[in-house]
PDB file of all heavy atoms in Angstrom:
ATOM      1  N   VAL A   1      -5.197 179.525 158.551  1.00  0.00           N
ATOM      2  CA  VAL A   1      -5.096 180.275 159.814  1.00  0.00           C
ATOM      3  C   VAL A   1      -6.475 180.444 160.433  1.00  0.00           C
ATOM      4  O   VAL A   1      -6.657 180.273 161.648  1.00  0.00           O
ATOM      5  CB  VAL A   1      -4.427 181.650 159.585  1.00  0.00           C
ATOM      6  CG1 VAL A   1      -4.562 182.530 160.827  1.00  0.00           C
ATOM      7  CG2 VAL A   1      -2.959 181.475 159.224  1.00  0.00           C
ATOM      8  N   GLN A   2      -7.442 180.766 159.603  1.00  0.00           N
ATOM      9  CA  GLN A   2      -8.814 180.931 160.079  1.00  0.00           C
ATOM     10  C   GLN A   2      -9.347 179.626 160.657  1.00  0.00           C
ATOM     11  O   GLN A   2      -9.976 179.603 161.731  1.00  0.00           O
ATOM     12  CB  GLN A   2      -9.701 181.399 158.922  1.00  0.00           C
ATOM     13  CG  GLN A   2     -11.094 181.806 159.326  1.00  0.00           C
ATOM     14  CD  GLN A   2     -11.908 182.279 158.129  1.00  0.00           C
ATOM     15  OE1 GLN A   2     -12.442 181.474 157.384  1.00  0.00           O
ATOM     16  NE2 GLN A   2     -11.977 183.589 157.948  1.00  0.00           N
ATOM     17  N   MET A   3      -9.080 178.509 159.976  1.00  0.00           N
ATOM     18  CA  MET A   3      -9.505 177.206 160.463  1.00  0.00           C
ATOM     19  C   MET A   3      -8.865 176.896 161.811  1.00  0.00           C
ATOM     20  O   MET A   3      -9.549 176.467 162.756  1.00  0.00           O
ATOM     21  CB  MET A   3      -9.131 176.111 159.458  1.00  0.00           C
ATOM     22  CG  MET A   3      -9.536 174.704 159.895  1.00  0.00           C
ATOM     23  SD  MET A   3      -8.839 173.415 158.822  1.00  0.00           S
ATOM     24  CE  MET A   3      -9.640 173.789 157.268  1.00  0.00           C
ATOM     25  N   TYR A   4      -7.557 177.131 161.907  1.00  0.00           N
ATOM     26  CA  TYR A   4      -6.841 176.823 163.152  1.00  0.00           C
ATOM     27  C   TYR A   4      -7.354 177.663 164.319  1.00  0.00           C
ATOM     28  O   TYR A   4      -7.627 177.141 165.413  1.00  0.00           O
ATOM     29  CB  TYR A   4      -5.341 177.044 162.985  1.00  0.00           C
ATOM     30  CG  TYR A   4      -4.606 176.914 164.297  1.00  0.00           C
ATOM     31  CD1 TYR A   4      -4.355 175.662 164.849  1.00  0.00           C
ATOM     32  CD2 TYR A   4      -4.199 178.042 165.005  1.00  0.00           C
ATOM     33  CE1 TYR A   4      -3.710 175.532 166.073  1.00  0.00           C
ATOM     34  CE2 TYR A   4      -3.555 177.926 166.223  1.00  0.00           C
ATOM     35  CZ  TYR A   4      -3.312 176.671 166.758  1.00  0.00           C
ATOM     36  OH  TYR A   4      -2.697 176.557 167.975  1.00  0.00           O
ATOM     37  N   LEU A   5      -7.492 178.972 164.117  1.00  0.00           N
ATOM     38  CA  LEU A   5      -7.929 179.846 165.211  1.00  0.00           C
ATOM     39  C   LEU A   5      -9.332 179.497 165.683  1.00  0.00           C
ATOM     40  O   LEU A   5      -9.604 179.477 166.887  1.00  0.00           O
ATOM     41  CB  LEU A   5      -7.868 181.306 164.761  1.00  0.00           C
ATOM     42  CG  LEU A   5      -6.467 181.909 164.606  1.00  0.00           C
ATOM     43  CD1 LEU A   5      -6.552 183.325 164.059  1.00  0.00           C
ATOM     44  CD2 LEU A   5      -5.719 181.892 165.938  1.00  0.00           C
ATOM     45  N   SER A   6     -10.218 179.208 164.738  1.00  0.00           N
ATOM     46  CA  SER A   6     -11.583 178.845 165.116  1.00  0.00           C
ATOM     47  C   SER A   6     -11.600 177.545 165.920  1.00  0.00           C
ATOM     48  O   SER A   6     -12.282 177.443 166.945  1.00  0.00           O
ATOM     49  CB  SER A   6     -12.458 178.702 163.865  1.00  0.00           C
ATOM     50  OG  SER A   6     -12.562 179.924 163.175  1.00  0.00           O
ATOM     51  N   LEU A   7     -10.840 176.550 165.455  1.00  0.00           N
ATOM     52  CA  LEU A   7     -10.768 175.279 166.178  1.00  0.00           C
ATOM     53  C   LEU A   7     -10.113 175.454 167.545  1.00  0.00           C
ATOM     54  O   LEU A   7     -10.587 174.897 168.547  1.00  0.00           O
ATOM     55  CB  LEU A   7      -9.982 174.251 165.361  1.00  0.00           C
ATOM     56  CG  LEU A   7     -10.668 173.677 164.120  1.00  0.00           C
ATOM     57  CD1 LEU A   7      -9.670 172.875 163.297  1.00  0.00           C
ATOM     58  CD2 LEU A   7     -11.859 172.813 164.497  1.00  0.00           C
ATOM     59  N   ALA A   8      -9.032 176.223 167.605  1.00  0.00           N
ATOM     60  CA  ALA A   8      -8.304 176.404 168.859  1.00  0.00           C
ATOM     61  C   ALA A   8      -9.152 177.117 169.899  1.00  0.00           C
ATOM     62  O   ALA A   8      -9.237 176.689 171.064  1.00  0.00           O
ATOM     63  CB  ALA A   8      -7.013 177.183 168.603  1.00  0.00           C
ATOM     64  N   MET A   9      -9.815 178.208 169.496  1.00  0.00           N
ATOM     65  CA  MET A   9     -10.624 178.959 170.457  1.00  0.00           C
ATOM     66  C   MET A   9     -11.855 178.168 170.887  1.00  0.00           C
ATOM     67  O   MET A   9     -12.231 178.145 172.065  1.00  0.00           O
ATOM     68  CB  MET A   9     -11.058 180.297 169.849  1.00  0.00           C
ATOM     69  CG  MET A   9      -9.905 181.248 169.541  1.00  0.00           C
ATOM     70  SD  MET A   9      -8.849 181.616 170.958  1.00  0.00           S
ATOM     71  CE  MET A   9      -7.401 180.620 170.555  1.00  0.00           C
ATOM     72  N   GLY A  10     -12.490 177.480 169.935  1.00  0.00           N
ATOM     73  CA  GLY A  10     -13.664 176.675 170.274  1.00  0.00           C
ATOM     74  C   GLY A  10     -13.322 175.521 171.193  1.00  0.00           C
ATOM     75  O   GLY A  10     -14.040 175.238 172.165  1.00  0.00           O
ATOM     76  N   SER A  11     -12.194 174.840 170.918  1.00  0.00           N
ATOM     77  CA  SER A  11     -11.780 173.703 171.743  1.00  0.00           C
ATOM     78  C   SER A  11     -11.376 174.168 173.139  1.00  0.00           C
ATOM     79  O   SER A  11     -11.708 173.520 174.141  1.00  0.00           O
ATOM     80  CB  SER A  11     -10.610 172.972 171.077  1.00  0.00           C
ATOM     81  OG  SER A  11     -10.966 172.499 169.792  1.00  0.00           O
ATOM     82  N   THR A  12     -10.657 175.277 173.204  1.00  0.00           N
ATOM     83  CA  THR A  12     -10.238 175.815 174.502  1.00  0.00           C
ATOM     84  C   THR A  12     -11.439 176.185 175.358  1.00  0.00           C
ATOM     85  O   THR A  12     -11.458 175.941 176.572  1.00  0.00           O
ATOM     86  CB  THR A  12      -9.338 177.043 174.304  1.00  0.00           C
ATOM     87  OG1 THR A  12      -8.212 176.693 173.503  1.00  0.00           O
ATOM     88  CG2 THR A  12      -8.839 177.577 175.641  1.00  0.00           C
ATOM     89  N   GLU A  13     -12.460 176.746 174.722  1.00  0.00           N
ATOM     90  CA  GLU A  13     -13.648 177.146 175.475  1.00  0.00           C
ATOM     91  C   GLU A  13     -14.371 175.934 176.062  1.00  0.00           C
ATOM     92  O   GLU A  13     -14.900 176.003 177.177  1.00  0.00           O
ATOM     93  CB  GLU A  13     -14.594 177.952 174.586  1.00  0.00           C
ATOM     94  CG  GLU A  13     -15.767 178.546 175.351  1.00  0.00           C
ATOM     95  CD  GLU A  13     -16.402 179.720 174.645  1.00  0.00           C
ATOM     96  OE1 GLU A  13     -15.790 180.292 173.729  1.00  0.00           O
ATOM     97  OE2 GLU A  13     -17.542 180.077 175.025  1.00  0.00           O
ATOM     98  N   CYS A  14     -14.392 174.830 175.332  1.00  0.00           N
ATOM     99  CA  CYS A  14     -15.015 173.606 175.867  1.00  0.00           C
ATOM    100  C   CYS A  14     -14.367 173.190 177.182  1.00  0.00           C
ATOM    101  O   CYS A  14     -15.049 172.874 178.160  1.00  0.00           O
ATOM    102  CB  CYS A  14     -14.891 172.463 174.855  1.00  0.00           C
ATOM    103  SG  CYS A  14     -15.913 172.631 173.380  1.00  0.00           S
ATOM    104  N   VAL A  15     -13.028 173.185 177.191  1.00  0.00           N
ATOM    105  CA  VAL A  15     -12.304 172.784 178.395  1.00  0.00           C
ATOM    106  C   VAL A  15     -12.465 173.823 179.496  1.00  0.00           C
ATOM    107  O   VAL A  15     -12.668 173.486 180.671  1.00  0.00           O
ATOM    108  CB  VAL A  15     -10.806 172.572 178.081  1.00  0.00           C
ATOM    109  CG1 VAL A  15     -10.049 172.104 179.323  1.00  0.00           C
ATOM    110  CG2 VAL A  15     -10.633 171.557 176.952  1.00  0.00           C
ATOM    111  N   LEU A  16     -12.406 175.101 179.128  1.00  0.00           N
ATOM    112  CA  LEU A  16     -12.507 176.164 180.130  1.00  0.00           C
ATOM    113  C   LEU A  16     -13.864 176.171 180.822  1.00  0.00           C
ATOM    114  O   LEU A  16     -13.953 176.438 182.028  1.00  0.00           O
ATOM    115  CB  LEU A  16     -12.246 177.522 179.484  1.00  0.00           C
ATOM    116  CG  LEU A  16     -12.174 178.705 180.458  1.00  0.00           C
ATOM    117  CD1 LEU A  16     -10.964 178.577 181.380  1.00  0.00           C
ATOM    118  CD2 LEU A  16     -12.128 180.031 179.719  1.00  0.00           C
ATOM    119  N   LEU A  17     -14.925 175.876 180.094  1.00  0.00           N
ATOM    120  CA  LEU A  17     -16.252 175.836 180.718  1.00  0.00           C
ATOM    121  C   LEU A  17     -16.340 174.717 181.751  1.00  0.00           C
ATOM    122  O   LEU A  17     -17.012 174.864 182.781  1.00  0.00           O
ATOM    123  CB  LEU A  17     -17.327 175.652 179.641  1.00  0.00           C
ATOM    124  CG  LEU A  17     -17.594 176.881 178.760  1.00  0.00           C
ATOM    125  CD1 LEU A  17     -18.565 176.540 177.640  1.00  0.00           C
ATOM    126  CD2 LEU A  17     -18.147 178.041 179.589  1.00  0.00           C
ATOM    127  N   ALA A  18     -15.633 173.601 181.496  1.00  0.00           N
ATOM    128  CA  ALA A  18     -15.579 172.530 182.497  1.00  0.00           C
ATOM    129  C   ALA A  18     -14.780 172.973 183.718  1.00  0.00           C
ATOM    130  O   ALA A  18     -15.139 172.672 184.864  1.00  0.00           O
ATOM    131  CB  ALA A  18     -14.952 171.275 181.884  1.00  0.00           C
ATOM    132  N   VAL A  19     -13.704 173.715 183.486  1.00  0.00           N
ATOM    133  CA  VAL A  19     -12.895 174.257 184.590  1.00  0.00           C
ATOM    134  C   VAL A  19     -13.722 175.232 185.432  1.00  0.00           C
ATOM    135  O   VAL A  19     -13.662 175.217 186.672  1.00  0.00           O
ATOM    136  CB  VAL A  19     -11.641 174.957 184.031  1.00  0.00           C
ATOM    137  CG1 VAL A  19     -10.940 175.773 185.127  1.00  0.00           C
ATOM    138  CG2 VAL A  19     -10.677 173.935 183.438  1.00  0.00           C
ATOM    139  N   MET A  20     -14.517 176.049 184.776  1.00  0.00           N
ATOM    140  CA  MET A  20     -15.362 177.018 185.493  1.00  0.00           C
ATOM    141  C   MET A  20     -16.438 176.304 186.311  1.00  0.00           C
ATOM    142  O   MET A  20     -16.827 176.777 187.383  1.00  0.00           O
ATOM    143  CB  MET A  20     -15.984 177.997 184.494  1.00  0.00           C
ATOM    144  CG  MET A  20     -14.961 178.896 183.820  1.00  0.00           C
ATOM    145  SD  MET A  20     -15.650 179.933 182.508  1.00  0.00           S
ATOM    146  CE  MET A  20     -16.523 181.165 183.474  1.00  0.00           C
ATOM    147  N   ALA A  21     -16.930 175.173 185.810  1.00  0.00           N
ATOM    148  CA  ALA A  21     -17.904 174.390 186.576  1.00  0.00           C
ATOM    149  C   ALA A  21     -17.248 173.834 187.836  1.00  0.00           C
ATOM    150  O   ALA A  21     -17.862 173.822 188.920  1.00  0.00           O
ATOM    151  CB  ALA A  21     -18.453 173.248 185.719  1.00  0.00           C
ATOM    152  N   TYR A  22     -15.999 173.384 187.721  1.00  0.00           N
ATOM    153  CA  TYR A  22     -15.272 172.893 188.899  1.00  0.00           C
ATOM    154  C   TYR A  22     -15.063 174.015 189.904  1.00  0.00           C
ATOM    155  O   TYR A  22     -15.186 173.810 191.125  1.00  0.00           O
ATOM    156  CB  TYR A  22     -13.929 172.304 188.471  1.00  0.00           C
ATOM    157  CG  TYR A  22     -13.070 171.866 189.642  1.00  0.00           C
ATOM    158  CD1 TYR A  22     -13.359 170.702 190.343  1.00  0.00           C
ATOM    159  CD2 TYR A  22     -11.974 172.640 190.050  1.00  0.00           C
ATOM    160  CE1 TYR A  22     -12.575 170.307 191.430  1.00  0.00           C
ATOM    161  CE2 TYR A  22     -11.195 172.249 191.132  1.00  0.00           C
ATOM    162  CZ  TYR A  22     -11.501 171.091 191.812  1.00  0.00           C
ATOM    163  OH  TYR A  22     -10.737 170.713 192.892  1.00  0.00           O
ATOM    164  N   ASP A  23     -14.759 175.205 189.413  1.00  0.00           N
ATOM    165  CA  ASP A  23     -14.597 176.369 190.295  1.00  0.00           C
ATOM    166  C   ASP A  23     -15.871 176.634 191.086  1.00  0.00           C
ATOM    167  O   ASP A  23     -15.834 176.896 192.301  1.00  0.00           O
ATOM    168  CB  ASP A  23     -14.225 177.598 189.462  1.00  0.00           C
ATOM    169  CG  ASP A  23     -14.254 178.886 190.267  1.00  0.00           C
ATOM    170  OD1 ASP A  23     -13.398 179.040 191.161  1.00  0.00           O
ATOM    171  OD2 ASP A  23     -15.138 179.723 190.010  1.00  0.00           O
ATOM    172  N   ARG A  24     -17.029 176.546 190.429  1.00  0.00           N
ATOM    173  CA  ARG A  24     -18.309 176.758 191.126  1.00  0.00           C
ATOM    174  C   ARG A  24     -18.577 175.621 192.122  1.00  0.00           C
ATOM    175  O   ARG A  24     -19.144 175.850 193.202  1.00  0.00           O
ATOM    176  CB  ARG A  24     -19.454 176.834 190.113  1.00  0.00           C
ATOM    177  CG  ARG A  24     -19.429 178.054 189.203  1.00  0.00           C
ATOM    178  CD  ARG A  24     -19.566 179.368 189.975  1.00  0.00           C
ATOM    179  NE  ARG A  24     -18.280 179.829 190.507  1.00  0.00           N
ATOM    180  CZ  ARG A  24     -18.125 180.595 191.562  1.00  0.00           C
ATOM    181  NH1 ARG A  24     -19.189 180.979 192.247  1.00  0.00           N
ATOM    182  NH2 ARG A  24     -16.937 180.977 191.978  1.00  0.00           N
ATOM    183  N   TYR A  25     -18.174 174.414 191.765  1.00  0.00           N
ATOM    184  CA  TYR A  25     -18.335 173.271 192.670  1.00  0.00           C
ATOM    185  C   TYR A  25     -17.554 173.497 193.965  1.00  0.00           C
ATOM    186  O   TYR A  25     -18.078 173.309 195.064  1.00  0.00           O
ATOM    187  CB  TYR A  25     -17.870 171.991 191.980  1.00  0.00           C
ATOM    188  CG  TYR A  25     -17.482 170.884 192.923  1.00  0.00           C
ATOM    189  CD1 TYR A  25     -18.450 170.162 193.619  1.00  0.00           C
ATOM    190  CD2 TYR A  25     -16.134 170.571 193.138  1.00  0.00           C
ATOM    191  CE1 TYR A  25     -18.086 169.154 194.509  1.00  0.00           C
ATOM    192  CE2 TYR A  25     -15.768 169.563 194.012  1.00  0.00           C
ATOM    193  CZ  TYR A  25     -16.746 168.858 194.705  1.00  0.00           C
ATOM    194  OH  TYR A  25     -16.381 167.877 195.587  1.00  0.00           O
ATOM    195  N   VAL A  26     -16.298 173.902 193.838  1.00  0.00           N
ATOM    196  CA  VAL A  26     -15.475 174.132 195.026  1.00  0.00           C
ATOM    197  C   VAL A  26     -16.041 175.297 195.838  1.00  0.00           C
ATOM    198  O   VAL A  26     -16.093 175.234 197.080  1.00  0.00           O
ATOM    199  CB  VAL A  26     -14.013 174.412 194.629  1.00  0.00           C
ATOM    200  CG1 VAL A  26     -13.175 174.724 195.871  1.00  0.00           C
ATOM    201  CG2 VAL A  26     -13.422 173.223 193.886  1.00  0.00           C
ATOM    202  N   ALA A  27     -16.474 176.359 195.159  1.00  0.00           N
ATOM    203  CA  ALA A  27     -16.986 177.539 195.850  1.00  0.00           C
ATOM    204  C   ALA A  27     -18.227 177.239 196.682  1.00  0.00           C
ATOM    205  O   ALA A  27     -18.394 177.769 197.783  1.00  0.00           O
ATOM    206  CB  ALA A  27     -17.295 178.639 194.836  1.00  0.00           C
ATOM    207  N   ILE A  28     -19.097 176.384 196.175  1.00  0.00           N
ATOM    208  CA  ILE A  28     -20.365 176.118 196.851  1.00  0.00           C
ATOM    209  C   ILE A  28     -20.286 174.907 197.779  1.00  0.00           C
ATOM    210  O   ILE A  28     -20.826 174.924 198.893  1.00  0.00           O
ATOM    211  CB  ILE A  28     -21.486 175.922 195.806  1.00  0.00           C
ATOM    212  CG1 ILE A  28     -21.755 177.254 195.091  1.00  0.00           C
ATOM    213  CG2 ILE A  28     -22.768 175.401 196.448  1.00  0.00           C
ATOM    214  CD1 ILE A  28     -22.735 177.172 193.966  1.00  0.00           C
ATOM    215  N   CYS A  29     -19.583 173.875 197.353  1.00  0.00           N
ATOM    216  CA  CYS A  29     -19.525 172.642 198.150  1.00  0.00           C
ATOM    217  C   CYS A  29     -18.419 172.673 199.204  1.00  0.00           C
ATOM    218  O   CYS A  29     -18.514 171.969 200.218  1.00  0.00           O
ATOM    219  CB  CYS A  29     -19.338 171.429 197.239  1.00  0.00           C
ATOM    220  SG  CYS A  29     -20.675 171.201 196.045  1.00  0.00           S
ATOM    221  N   HIS A  30     -17.373 173.475 198.981  1.00  0.00           N
ATOM    222  CA  HIS A  30     -16.263 173.558 199.943  1.00  0.00           C
ATOM    223  C   HIS A  30     -15.871 175.025 200.145  1.00  0.00           C
ATOM    224  O   HIS A  30     -14.725 175.411 199.868  1.00  0.00           O
ATOM    225  CB  HIS A  30     -15.067 172.750 199.450  1.00  0.00           C
ATOM    226  CG  HIS A  30     -15.380 171.318 199.156  1.00  0.00           C
ATOM    227  ND1 HIS A  30     -15.522 170.364 200.154  1.00  0.00           N
ATOM    228  CD2 HIS A  30     -15.602 170.677 197.982  1.00  0.00           C
ATOM    229  CE1 HIS A  30     -15.808 169.199 199.600  1.00  0.00           C
ATOM    230  NE2 HIS A  30     -15.865 169.358 198.285  1.00  0.00           N
ATOM    231  N   PRO A  31     -16.800 175.855 200.606  1.00  0.00           N
ATOM    232  CA  PRO A  31     -16.536 177.308 200.684  1.00  0.00           C
ATOM    233  C   PRO A  31     -15.379 177.681 201.605  1.00  0.00           C
ATOM    234  O   PRO A  31     -14.655 178.641 201.313  1.00  0.00           O
ATOM    235  CB  PRO A  31     -17.865 177.874 201.192  1.00  0.00           C
ATOM    236  CG  PRO A  31     -18.540 176.731 201.866  1.00  0.00           C
ATOM    237  CD  PRO A  31     -18.142 175.515 201.099  1.00  0.00           C
TER     238      PRO A  31
END
């Protein structure tokens, strides 16, 4: 369970940080 939760949260954060970068791109480049 510990292995799964650590992998799941870490992997999700990788994708979410890319999503947040896209959000900043739209906010600044297409306000």
